[in-house]
Amino acid sequence: MNKKIQLSKNPLHYVYALVWFSVFVAFAIYIFTGKMFMPDANGKINLVAILVGWVAEYLTQIGTGILVILIGAYVAFRVATEKK
């Protein structure tokens, strides 16, 4: 790996990284399936869905889902590594 970055010796960091990655993957699946953009029982759309919809308009739903997974992988990598 990089000379300035090494894997953490604390096993709990790997659990945190897995949790972060799974949260981002779940969010990406929620975007990819399109359930995020459907109105709820009251007929309202969440503000987050509108903001993500702006991104999805330019990147498509698949591209936005992949982007969210890549961000999750980056967050998980930062949690599981430490600087020397």
PDB file of N, CA and C in Angstrom:
ATOM      1  N   MET A   1       0.838  -1.181   0.000  1.00  0.00           N
ATOM      2  CA  MET A   1       0.000   0.000   0.000  1.00  0.00           C
ATOM      3  C   MET A   1       0.884   1.245   0.000  1.00  0.00           C
ATOM      4  N   ASN A   2       0.260   2.370   0.144  1.00  0.00           N
ATOM      5  CA  ASN A   2       0.970   3.627   0.187  1.00  0.00           C
ATOM      6  C   ASN A   2       1.874   3.681   1.414  1.00  0.00           C
ATOM      7  N   LYS A   3       2.964   4.399   1.330  1.00  0.00           N
ATOM      8  CA  LYS A   3       3.902   4.464   2.448  1.00  0.00           C
ATOM      9  C   LYS A   3       3.317   5.204   3.645  1.00  0.00           C
ATOM     10  N   LYS A   4       2.388   6.090   3.415  1.00  0.00           N
ATOM     11  CA  LYS A   4       1.826   6.884   4.500  1.00  0.00           C
ATOM     12  C   LYS A   4       0.535   6.305   5.074  1.00  0.00           C
ATOM     13  N   ILE A   5      -0.016   5.291   4.407  1.00  0.00           N
ATOM     14  CA  ILE A   5      -1.284   4.707   4.845  1.00  0.00           C
ATOM     15  C   ILE A   5      -1.091   3.217   5.098  1.00  0.00           C
ATOM     16  N   GLN A   6      -1.629   2.744   6.223  1.00  0.00           N
ATOM     17  CA  GLN A   6      -1.571   1.313   6.521  1.00  0.00           C
ATOM     18  C   GLN A   6      -2.922   0.861   7.044  1.00  0.00           C
ATOM     19  N   LEU A   7      -3.170  -0.429   6.957  1.00  0.00           N
ATOM     20  CA  LEU A   7      -4.421  -0.977   7.471  1.00  0.00           C
ATOM     21  C   LEU A   7      -4.437  -0.863   8.992  1.00  0.00           C
ATOM     22  N   SER A   8      -5.583  -0.622   9.527  1.00  0.00           N
ATOM     23  CA  SER A   8      -5.732  -0.450  10.965  1.00  0.00           C
ATOM     24  C   SER A   8      -5.509  -1.773  11.693  1.00  0.00           C
ATOM     25  N   LYS A   9      -4.972  -1.672  12.870  1.00  0.00           N
ATOM     26  CA  LYS A   9      -4.762  -2.862  13.707  1.00  0.00           C
ATOM     27  C   LYS A   9      -5.972  -3.147  14.597  1.00  0.00           C
ATOM     28  N   ASN A  10      -6.886  -2.204  14.655  1.00  0.00           N
ATOM     29  CA  ASN A  10      -8.093  -2.362  15.458  1.00  0.00           C
ATOM     30  C   ASN A  10      -9.159  -3.077  14.627  1.00  0.00           C
ATOM     31  N   PRO A  11      -9.572  -4.283  15.024  1.00  0.00           N
ATOM     32  CA  PRO A  11     -10.560  -5.024  14.227  1.00  0.00           C
ATOM     33  C   PRO A  11     -11.930  -4.343  14.183  1.00  0.00           C
ATOM     34  N   LEU A  12     -12.211  -3.486  15.139  1.00  0.00           N
ATOM     35  CA  LEU A  12     -13.495  -2.793  15.149  1.00  0.00           C
ATOM     36  C   LEU A  12     -13.599  -1.800  13.989  1.00  0.00           C
ATOM     37  N   HIS A  13     -12.470  -1.303  13.511  1.00  0.00           N
ATOM     38  CA  HIS A  13     -12.486  -0.399  12.359  1.00  0.00           C
ATOM     39  C   HIS A  13     -13.005  -1.105  11.113  1.00  0.00           C
ATOM     40  N   TYR A  14     -12.707  -2.391  10.978  1.00  0.00           N
ATOM     41  CA  TYR A  14     -13.201  -3.153   9.833  1.00  0.00           C
ATOM     42  C   TYR A  14     -14.711  -3.346   9.918  1.00  0.00           C
ATOM     43  N   VAL A  15     -15.218  -3.500  11.125  1.00  0.00           N
ATOM     44  CA  VAL A  15     -16.670  -3.615  11.312  1.00  0.00           C
ATOM     45  C   VAL A  15     -17.340  -2.290  10.946  1.00  0.00           C
ATOM     46  N   TYR A  16     -16.760  -1.176  11.402  1.00  0.00           N
ATOM     47  CA  TYR A  16     -17.288   0.139  11.049  1.00  0.00           C
ATOM     48  C   TYR A  16     -17.264   0.346   9.537  1.00  0.00           C
ATOM     49  N   ALA A  17     -16.176  -0.065   8.903  1.00  0.00           N
ATOM     50  CA  ALA A  17     -16.064   0.078   7.444  1.00  0.00           C
ATOM     51  C   ALA A  17     -17.139  -0.740   6.744  1.00  0.00           C
ATOM     52  N   LEU A  18     -17.393  -1.946   7.224  1.00  0.00           N
ATOM     53  CA  LEU A  18     -18.431  -2.789   6.638  1.00  0.00           C
ATOM     54  C   LEU A  18     -19.814  -2.175   6.818  1.00  0.00           C
ATOM     55  N   VAL A  19     -20.057  -1.589   7.982  1.00  0.00           N
ATOM     56  CA  VAL A  19     -21.346  -0.941   8.232  1.00  0.00           C
ATOM     57  C   VAL A  19     -21.529   0.252   7.301  1.00  0.00           C
ATOM     58  N   TRP A  20     -20.496   1.098   7.185  1.00  0.00           N
ATOM     59  CA  TRP A  20     -20.587   2.249   6.287  1.00  0.00           C
ATOM     60  C   TRP A  20     -20.835   1.800   4.846  1.00  0.00           C
ATOM     61  N   PHE A  21     -20.096   0.803   4.394  1.00  0.00           N
ATOM     62  CA  PHE A  21     -20.245   0.336   3.022  1.00  0.00           C
ATOM     63  C   PHE A  21     -21.636  -0.228   2.794  1.00  0.00           C
ATOM     64  N   SER A  22     -22.160  -0.982   3.747  1.00  0.00           N
ATOM     65  CA  SER A  22     -23.496  -1.567   3.586  1.00  0.00           C
ATOM     66  C   SER A  22     -24.571  -0.483   3.574  1.00  0.00           C
ATOM     67  N   VAL A  23     -24.403   0.590   4.328  1.00  0.00           N
ATOM     68  CA  VAL A  23     -25.363   1.697   4.309  1.00  0.00           C
ATOM     69  C   VAL A  23     -25.385   2.350   2.932  1.00  0.00           C
ATOM     70  N   PHE A  24     -24.203   2.591   2.367  1.00  0.00           N
ATOM     71  CA  PHE A  24     -24.152   3.213   1.053  1.00  0.00           C
ATOM     72  C   PHE A  24     -24.689   2.279  -0.035  1.00  0.00           C
ATOM     73  N   VAL A  25     -24.437   0.989   0.071  1.00  0.00           N
ATOM     74  CA  VAL A  25     -24.975   0.035  -0.911  1.00  0.00           C
ATOM     75  C   VAL A  25     -26.501  -0.020  -0.814  1.00  0.00           C
ATOM     76  N   ALA A  26     -27.032   0.001   0.393  1.00  0.00           N
ATOM     77  CA  ALA A  26     -28.487  -0.001   0.557  1.00  0.00           C
ATOM     78  C   ALA A  26     -29.096   1.263  -0.042  1.00  0.00           C
ATOM     79  N   PHE A  27     -28.432   2.396   0.156  1.00  0.00           N
ATOM     80  CA  PHE A  27     -28.916   3.649  -0.428  1.00  0.00           C
ATOM     81  C   PHE A  27     -28.846   3.598  -1.950  1.00  0.00           C
ATOM     82  N   ALA A  28     -27.788   2.995  -2.494  1.00  0.00           N
ATOM     83  CA  ALA A  28     -27.650   2.872  -3.945  1.00  0.00           C
ATOM     84  C   ALA A  28     -28.737   1.971  -4.517  1.00  0.00           C
ATOM     85  N   ILE A  29     -29.063   0.891  -3.831  1.00  0.00           N
ATOM     86  CA  ILE A  29     -30.138   0.000  -4.285  1.00  0.00           C
ATOM     87  C   ILE A  29     -31.481   0.725  -4.235  1.00  0.00           C
ATOM     88  N   TYR A  30     -31.665   1.529  -3.211  1.00  0.00           N
ATOM     89  CA  TYR A  30     -32.887   2.325  -3.070  1.00  0.00           C
ATOM     90  C   TYR A  30     -33.017   3.306  -4.232  1.00  0.00           C
ATOM     91  N   ILE A  31     -31.902   3.873  -4.666  1.00  0.00           N
ATOM     92  CA  ILE A  31     -31.918   4.775  -5.829  1.00  0.00           C
ATOM     93  C   ILE A  31     -32.147   3.979  -7.104  1.00  0.00           C
ATOM     94  N   PHE A  32     -31.414   2.876  -7.263  1.00  0.00           N
ATOM     95  CA  PHE A  32     -31.461   2.092  -8.498  1.00  0.00           C
ATOM     96  C   PHE A  32     -32.843   1.518  -8.779  1.00  0.00           C
ATOM     97  N   THR A  33     -33.540   1.075  -7.755  1.00  0.00           N
ATOM     98  CA  THR A  33     -34.863   0.494  -7.959  1.00  0.00           C
ATOM     99  C   THR A  33     -35.921   1.549  -8.272  1.00  0.00           C
ATOM    100  N   GLY A  34     -35.629   2.799  -7.973  1.00  0.00           N
ATOM    101  CA  GLY A  34     -36.572   3.871  -8.249  1.00  0.00           C
ATOM    102  C   GLY A  34     -37.575   4.114  -7.143  1.00  0.00           C
ATOM    103  N   LYS A  35     -37.505   3.357  -6.058  1.00  0.00           N
ATOM    104  CA  LYS A  35     -38.452   3.541  -4.956  1.00  0.00           C
ATOM    105  C   LYS A  35     -38.247   4.886  -4.257  1.00  0.00           C
ATOM    106  N   MET A  36     -37.058   5.434  -4.389  1.00  0.00           N
ATOM    107  CA  MET A  36     -36.780   6.716  -3.743  1.00  0.00           C
ATOM    108  C   MET A  36     -37.600   7.843  -4.360  1.00  0.00           C
ATOM    109  N   PHE A  37     -37.904   7.713  -5.635  1.00  0.00           N
ATOM    110  CA  PHE A  37     -38.554   8.794  -6.349  1.00  0.00           C
ATOM    111  C   PHE A  37     -40.069   8.657  -6.409  1.00  0.00           C
ATOM    112  N   MET A  38     -40.610   7.621  -5.774  1.00  0.00           N
ATOM    113  CA  MET A  38     -42.060   7.437  -5.742  1.00  0.00           C
ATOM    114  C   MET A  38     -42.645   8.217  -4.561  1.00  0.00           C
ATOM    115  N   PRO A  39     -43.823   8.820  -4.742  1.00  0.00           N
ATOM    116  CA  PRO A  39     -44.447   9.543  -3.635  1.00  0.00           C
ATOM    117  C   PRO A  39     -44.862   8.596  -2.513  1.00  0.00           C
ATOM    118  N   ASP A  40     -44.870   9.114  -1.285  1.00  0.00           N
ATOM    119  CA  ASP A  40     -45.279   8.285  -0.149  1.00  0.00           C
ATOM    120  C   ASP A  40     -46.808   8.231  -0.074  1.00  0.00           C
ATOM    121  N   ALA A  41     -47.319   7.741   1.039  1.00  0.00           N
ATOM    122  CA  ALA A  41     -48.771   7.556   1.182  1.00  0.00           C
ATOM    123  C   ALA A  41     -49.520   8.889   1.121  1.00  0.00           C
ATOM    124  N   ASN A  42     -48.886   9.978   1.538  1.00  0.00           N
ATOM    125  CA  ASN A  42     -49.540  11.288   1.522  1.00  0.00           C
ATOM    126  C   ASN A  42     -49.420  11.977   0.167  1.00  0.00           C
ATOM    127  N   GLY A  43     -48.713  11.347  -0.771  1.00  0.00           N
ATOM    128  CA  GLY A  43     -48.536  11.945  -2.084  1.00  0.00           C
ATOM    129  C   GLY A  43     -47.390  12.937  -2.147  1.00  0.00           C
ATOM    130  N   LYS A  44     -46.539  12.945  -1.104  1.00  0.00           N
ATOM    131  CA  LYS A  44     -45.416  13.875  -1.067  1.00  0.00           C
ATOM    132  C   LYS A  44     -44.124  13.145  -1.407  1.00  0.00           C
ATOM    133  N   ILE A  45     -43.170  13.892  -1.954  1.00  0.00           N
ATOM    134  CA  ILE A  45     -41.850  13.351  -2.272  1.00  0.00           C
ATOM    135  C   ILE A  45     -40.854  13.987  -1.323  1.00  0.00           C
ATOM    136  N   ASN A  46     -39.959  13.185  -0.789  1.00  0.00           N
ATOM    137  CA  ASN A  46     -38.954  13.643   0.161  1.00  0.00           C
ATOM    138  C   ASN A  46     -38.004  14.638  -0.506  1.00  0.00           C
ATOM    139  N   LEU A  47     -37.509  15.597   0.251  1.00  0.00           N
ATOM    140  CA  LEU A  47     -36.570  16.592  -0.262  1.00  0.00           C
ATOM    141  C   LEU A  47     -35.276  15.945  -0.738  1.00  0.00           C
ATOM    142  N   VAL A  48     -34.813  14.918  -0.026  1.00  0.00           N
ATOM    143  CA  VAL A  48     -33.600  14.208  -0.437  1.00  0.00           C
ATOM    144  C   VAL A  48     -33.810  13.548  -1.795  1.00  0.00           C
ATOM    145  N   ALA A  49     -35.008  13.023  -2.034  1.00  0.00           N
ATOM    146  CA  ALA A  49     -35.300  12.404  -3.334  1.00  0.00           C
ATOM    147  C   ALA A  49     -35.240  13.430  -4.454  1.00  0.00           C
ATOM    148  N   ILE A  50     -35.671  14.642  -4.180  1.00  0.00           N
ATOM    149  CA  ILE A  50     -35.602  15.693  -5.196  1.00  0.00           C
ATOM    150  C   ILE A  50     -34.152  16.050  -5.489  1.00  0.00           C
ATOM    151  N   LEU A  51     -33.340  16.179  -4.448  1.00  0.00           N
ATOM    152  CA  LEU A  51     -31.930  16.525  -4.638  1.00  0.00           C
ATOM    153  C   LEU A  51     -31.169  15.414  -5.356  1.00  0.00           C
ATOM    154  N   VAL A  52     -31.417  14.162  -4.982  1.00  0.00           N
ATOM    155  CA  VAL A  52     -30.776  13.040  -5.659  1.00  0.00           C
ATOM    156  C   VAL A  52     -31.306  12.921  -7.081  1.00  0.00           C
ATOM    157  N   GLY A  53     -32.563  13.280  -7.283  1.00  0.00           N
ATOM    158  CA  GLY A  53     -33.141  13.258  -8.617  1.00  0.00           C
ATOM    159  C   GLY A  53     -32.450  14.206  -9.577  1.00  0.00           C
ATOM    160  N   TRP A  54     -31.974  15.342  -9.064  1.00  0.00           N
ATOM    161  CA  TRP A  54     -31.222  16.267  -9.911  1.00  0.00           C
ATOM    162  C   TRP A  54     -29.934  15.632 -10.394  1.00  0.00           C
ATOM    163  N   VAL A  55     -29.261  14.915  -9.499  1.00  0.00           N
ATOM    164  CA  VAL A  55     -28.030  14.221  -9.887  1.00  0.00           C
ATOM    165  C   VAL A  55     -28.371  13.077 -10.842  1.00  0.00           C
ATOM    166  N   ALA A  56     -29.415  12.337 -10.532  1.00  0.00           N
ATOM    167  CA  ALA A  56     -29.798  11.188 -11.364  1.00  0.00           C
ATOM    168  C   ALA A  56     -30.243  11.618 -12.753  1.00  0.00           C
ATOM    169  N   GLU A  57     -30.724  12.853 -12.874  1.00  0.00           N
ATOM    170  CA  GLU A  57     -31.135  13.342 -14.186  1.00  0.00           C
ATOM    171  C   GLU A  57     -29.942  13.436 -15.132  1.00  0.00           C
ATOM    172  N   TYR A  58     -28.780  13.782 -14.604  1.00  0.00           N
ATOM    173  CA  TYR A  58     -27.591  13.923 -15.436  1.00  0.00           C
ATOM    174  C   TYR A  58     -26.775  12.638 -15.537  1.00  0.00           C
ATOM    175  N   LEU A  59     -26.768  11.834 -14.494  1.00  0.00           N
ATOM    176  CA  LEU A  59     -25.941  10.621 -14.477  1.00  0.00           C
ATOM    177  C   LEU A  59     -26.731   9.343 -14.717  1.00  0.00           C
ATOM    178  N   THR A  60     -27.998   9.403 -14.854  1.00  0.00           N
ATOM    179  CA  THR A  60     -28.931   8.274 -14.897  1.00  0.00           C
ATOM    180  C   THR A  60     -28.978   7.580 -13.540  1.00  0.00           C
ATOM    181  N   GLN A  61     -29.967   6.762 -13.343  1.00  0.00           N
ATOM    182  CA  GLN A  61     -30.106   6.084 -12.055  1.00  0.00           C
ATOM    183  C   GLN A  61     -28.961   5.103 -11.819  1.00  0.00           C
ATOM    184  N   ILE A  62     -28.534   4.410 -12.859  1.00  0.00           N
ATOM    185  CA  ILE A  62     -27.443   3.446 -12.703  1.00  0.00           C
ATOM    186  C   ILE A  62     -26.149   4.174 -12.344  1.00  0.00           C
ATOM    187  N   GLY A  63     -25.883   5.271 -13.031  1.00  0.00           N
ATOM    188  CA  GLY A  63     -24.672   6.043 -12.741  1.00  0.00           C
ATOM    189  C   GLY A  63     -24.683   6.614 -11.335  1.00  0.00           C
ATOM    190  N   THR A  64     -25.842   7.082 -10.887  1.00  0.00           N
ATOM    191  CA  THR A  64     -25.951   7.618  -9.536  1.00  0.00           C
ATOM    192  C   THR A  64     -25.757   6.507  -8.511  1.00  0.00           C
ATOM    193  N   GLY A  65     -26.315   5.334  -8.769  1.00  0.00           N
ATOM    194  CA  GLY A  65     -26.110   4.199  -7.854  1.00  0.00           C
ATOM    195  C   GLY A  65     -24.659   3.787  -7.775  1.00  0.00           C
ATOM    196  N   ILE A  66     -23.988   3.764  -8.920  1.00  0.00           N
ATOM    197  CA  ILE A  66     -22.563   3.421  -8.928  1.00  0.00           C
ATOM    198  C   ILE A  66     -21.762   4.481  -8.200  1.00  0.00           C
ATOM    199  N   LEU A  67     -22.108   5.750  -8.388  1.00  0.00           N
ATOM    200  CA  LEU A  67     -21.419   6.832  -7.690  1.00  0.00           C
ATOM    201  C   LEU A  67     -21.569   6.699  -6.182  1.00  0.00           C
ATOM    202  N   VAL A  68     -22.749   6.372  -5.715  1.00  0.00           N
ATOM    203  CA  VAL A  68     -22.979   6.203  -4.281  1.00  0.00           C
ATOM    204  C   VAL A  68     -22.178   5.015  -3.749  1.00  0.00           C
ATOM    205  N   ILE A  69     -22.100   3.927  -4.517  1.00  0.00           N
ATOM    206  CA  ILE A  69     -21.304   2.769  -4.092  1.00  0.00           C
ATOM    207  C   ILE A  69     -19.820   3.138  -4.029  1.00  0.00           C
ATOM    208  N   LEU A  70     -19.333   3.911  -4.995  1.00  0.00           N
ATOM    209  CA  LEU A  70     -17.928   4.330  -4.970  1.00  0.00           C
ATOM    210  C   LEU A  70     -17.638   5.247  -3.783  1.00  0.00           C
ATOM    211  N   ILE A  71     -18.559   6.135  -3.462  1.00  0.00           N
ATOM    212  CA  ILE A  71     -18.390   6.982  -2.283  1.00  0.00           C
ATOM    213  C   ILE A  71     -18.371   6.125  -1.030  1.00  0.00           C
ATOM    214  N   GLY A  72     -19.238   5.112  -0.965  1.00  0.00           N
ATOM    215  CA  GLY A  72     -19.242   4.195   0.172  1.00  0.00           C
ATOM    216  C   GLY A  72     -17.950   3.420   0.290  1.00  0.00           C
ATOM    217  N   ALA A  73     -17.390   2.998  -0.841  1.00  0.00           N
ATOM    218  CA  ALA A  73     -16.110   2.282  -0.813  1.00  0.00           C
ATOM    219  C   ALA A  73     -14.999   3.192  -0.312  1.00  0.00           C
ATOM    220  N   TYR A  74     -15.027   4.460  -0.718  1.00  0.00           N
ATOM    221  CA  TYR A  74     -14.021   5.417  -0.243  1.00  0.00           C
ATOM    222  C   TYR A  74     -14.142   5.641   1.257  1.00  0.00           C
ATOM    223  N   VAL A  75     -15.370   5.822   1.748  1.00  0.00           N
ATOM    224  CA  VAL A  75     -15.579   6.023   3.182  1.00  0.00           C
ATOM    225  C   VAL A  75     -15.128   4.793   3.959  1.00  0.00           C
ATOM    226  N   ALA A  76     -15.456   3.607   3.460  1.00  0.00           N
ATOM    227  CA  ALA A  76     -15.043   2.370   4.135  1.00  0.00           C
ATOM    228  C   ALA A  76     -13.524   2.231   4.141  1.00  0.00           C
ATOM    229  N   PHE A  77     -12.869   2.603   3.048  1.00  0.00           N
ATOM    230  CA  PHE A  77     -11.411   2.542   2.987  1.00  0.00           C
ATOM    231  C   PHE A  77     -10.786   3.507   3.982  1.00  0.00           C
ATOM    232  N   ARG A  78     -11.347   4.706   4.091  1.00  0.00           N
ATOM    233  CA  ARG A  78     -10.795   5.698   5.032  1.00  0.00           C
ATOM    234  C   ARG A  78     -10.985   5.251   6.472  1.00  0.00           C
ATOM    235  N   VAL A  79     -12.076   4.546   6.754  1.00  0.00           N
ATOM    236  CA  VAL A  79     -12.304   4.066   8.118  1.00  0.00           C
ATOM    237  C   VAL A  79     -11.375   2.917   8.458  1.00  0.00           C
ATOM    238  N   ALA A  80     -11.098   2.042   7.486  1.00  0.00           N
ATOM    239  CA  ALA A  80     -10.304   0.845   7.749  1.00  0.00           C
ATOM    240  C   ALA A  80      -8.809   1.096   7.701  1.00  0.00           C
ATOM    241  N   THR A  81      -8.376   2.280   7.289  1.00  0.00           N
ATOM    242  CA  THR A  81      -6.940   2.579   7.218  1.00  0.00           C
ATOM    243  C   THR A  81      -6.603   3.709   8.186  1.00  0.00           C
ATOM    244  N   GLU A  82      -5.330   3.833   8.475  1.00  0.00           N
ATOM    245  CA  GLU A  82      -4.866   4.919   9.334  1.00  0.00           C
ATOM    246  C   GLU A  82      -3.536   5.439   8.795  1.00  0.00           C
ATOM    247  N   LYS A  83      -3.269   6.680   9.107  1.00  0.00           N
ATOM    248  CA  LYS A  83      -2.018   7.275   8.661  1.00  0.00           C
ATOM    249  C   LYS A  83      -0.889   6.890   9.606  1.00  0.00           C
ATOM    250  N   LYS A  84       0.292   6.757   9.038  1.00  0.00           N
ATOM    251  CA  LYS A  84       1.458   6.414   9.877  1.00  0.00           C
ATOM    252  C   LYS A  84       1.935   7.619  10.651  1.00  0.00           C
TER     253      LYS A  84
END
